[in-house]
Protein backbone atom coordinates (compact mmCIF):
# COMPACT_ATOMS: atom_id res chain seq x y z
CA MET A 1 85.76 91.29 85.40
CA GLN A 2 82.75 93.20 86.72
CA LYS A 3 82.52 96.81 85.57
CA LEU A 4 81.93 99.35 88.34
CA LYS A 5 78.92 101.61 88.06
CA THR A 6 79.54 105.27 88.59
CA ALA A 7 76.85 106.83 90.70
CA ALA A 8 75.69 110.44 90.49
CA PHE A 9 76.29 112.56 93.61
CA GLU A 10 72.55 112.71 94.21
CA GLU A 11 72.42 108.92 94.19
CA MET A 12 75.31 108.74 96.74
CA VAL A 13 73.51 111.18 99.03
CA ALA A 14 70.31 109.25 98.77
CA GLN A 15 71.92 105.96 99.81
CA PRO A 16 71.56 105.09 103.45
CA VAL A 17 74.89 104.79 105.23
CA PRO A 18 74.96 102.01 107.78
CA ALA A 19 76.14 103.07 111.18
CA THR A 20 78.77 100.70 112.58
CA GLY A 21 80.54 100.91 115.87
CA ALA A 22 81.26 104.22 117.55
CA PRO A 23 79.57 107.51 116.81
CA GLU A 24 82.76 108.75 115.18
CA ASP A 25 82.00 106.38 112.29
CA ARG A 26 78.91 108.45 111.47
CA ASN A 27 80.57 111.80 111.91
CA PRO A 28 84.21 111.90 110.94
CA ALA A 29 84.39 115.53 111.99
CA ALA A 30 84.22 114.29 115.59
CA ALA A 31 87.70 112.71 115.07
CA ALA A 32 90.91 114.63 114.49
CA GLY A 33 89.68 116.02 111.15
CA LEU A 34 87.78 114.97 108.09
CA HIS A 35 90.91 113.15 106.79
CA VAL A 36 91.01 110.81 109.81
CA CYS A 37 88.82 107.69 110.02
CA GLY A 38 86.84 107.61 113.25
CA ALA A 39 87.02 103.83 113.46
CA CYS A 40 90.54 102.86 112.43
CA ALA A 41 92.37 106.22 112.83
CA SER A 42 93.75 106.03 109.26
CA SER A 43 94.67 109.48 107.98
CA LEU A 44 93.90 108.46 104.39
CA VAL A 45 90.23 109.45 104.33
CA HIS A 46 89.56 111.40 101.16
CA PRO A 47 86.63 113.02 99.39
CA THR A 48 85.11 111.16 96.44
CA ARG A 49 82.49 113.76 95.56
CA TRP A 50 81.64 117.23 96.80
CA GLU A 51 79.21 119.99 96.06
CA GLU A 52 78.30 123.32 97.64
CA ALA A 53 75.34 122.95 99.95
CA GLY A 54 74.87 126.57 100.96
CA ASP A 55 76.71 129.78 101.73
CA ASP A 56 79.11 128.21 104.20
CA SER A 57 78.75 124.47 103.90
CA TRP A 58 79.50 121.53 101.54
CA GLN A 59 77.88 118.21 100.85
CA LEU A 60 80.79 115.78 100.90
CA ALA A 61 81.18 112.00 100.29
CA LEU A 62 84.17 110.64 102.16
CA ARG A 63 85.93 107.30 101.85
CA CYS A 64 88.42 105.43 104.06
CA PRO A 65 90.48 103.05 101.84
CA SER A 66 91.80 101.18 104.92
CA ARG A 67 88.42 99.68 105.81
CA GLU A 68 86.34 100.58 102.73
CA TRP A 69 84.11 102.85 104.79
CA SER A 70 82.23 105.63 103.10
CA SER A 71 79.89 108.31 104.33
CA VAL A 72 78.05 111.37 103.04
CA GLY A 73 77.65 114.49 105.17
CA ARG A 74 77.30 118.24 105.26
CA PHE A 75 80.31 120.13 106.58
CA GLU A 76 81.07 123.74 107.28
CA GLN A 77 83.64 125.71 105.34
CA LYS A 78 86.11 125.68 108.21
CA LEU A 79 86.34 121.89 108.15
CA MET A 80 86.64 121.91 104.36
CA ASP A 81 89.56 124.40 104.61
CA GLN A 82 91.28 122.06 107.07
CA LEU A 83 90.69 119.06 104.75
CA GLU A 84 92.01 121.02 101.76
CA ARG A 85 95.20 121.93 103.67
CA GLU A 86 95.67 118.24 104.66
CA LEU A 87 95.11 117.08 101.07
CA ASP A 88 97.65 119.68 99.84
CA ARG A 89 100.13 118.42 102.47
CA GLY A 90 99.53 114.86 101.24
CA ASP A 91 100.04 115.89 97.62
CA ALA A 92 103.33 117.56 98.52
CA GLU A 93 104.45 114.44 100.42
CA LEU A 94 103.61 112.24 97.40
CA GLU A 95 105.45 114.60 95.01
CA THR A 96 108.54 114.48 97.28
CA ASP A 97 108.42 110.67 97.45
CA LEU A 98 108.03 110.46 93.70
CA ALA A 99 111.02 112.76 93.07
CA LEU A 100 113.10 110.69 95.47
CA LEU A 101 112.04 107.40 93.91
CA THR A 102 112.70 108.76 90.41
CA HIS A 103 116.16 109.91 91.44
CA VAL A 104 116.99 106.54 93.03
CA ASN A 105 115.80 104.64 89.93
CA VAL A 106 117.84 106.85 87.55
CA VAL A 107 120.96 106.47 89.71
CA ASP A 108 120.41 102.68 89.71
CA GLU A 109 119.96 102.59 85.94
CA ILE A 110 123.12 104.66 85.38
CA ASP A 111 125.08 102.37 87.73
CA ARG A 112 123.88 99.27 85.92
CA PHE A 113 124.79 100.82 82.54
CA ALA A 114 128.26 101.79 83.77
CA ARG A 115 128.85 98.26 85.11
CA ALA A 116 127.73 96.85 81.76
CA LEU A 117 130.13 99.12 79.97
CA ASP A 118 133.02 98.13 82.33
CA ALA A 119 132.20 94.43 81.69
CA ASP A 120 132.14 95.02 77.96
CA ALA A 121 128.63 93.60 78.00
CA ILE A 122 127.19 96.26 75.61
CA GLN A 123 127.64 95.58 71.94
CA PRO A 124 126.77 97.76 68.87
CA ILE A 125 123.90 95.37 68.16
CA ASP A 126 122.27 96.56 71.47
CA PHE A 127 121.52 99.87 69.80
């Protein structure tokens, strides 16, 4: 298995980003927000690196996992605030899904244990 090299932020910024397709590919802010891919409309675009670039702007490396697209750009604080709200919403959604999945799994485990007890399938040697 090939080990992945971790690049410094400066190296990421220095790398040329090939422009493919529509102008939205080069500037995700032109789409519905920084979290939306301009090419495939996936709402899973996320930052991989970020750093303050001035009083009211950030240097940001973005990645779309749906099509393995990545880009580096400079964005104003307003867009960063919108991205942060979207990331917080996504975190809350994941936490809700995890809680539901955990609950379903525990209920299933309890049901299987109760059926095993009813079937007298659990013996002292099991403990």
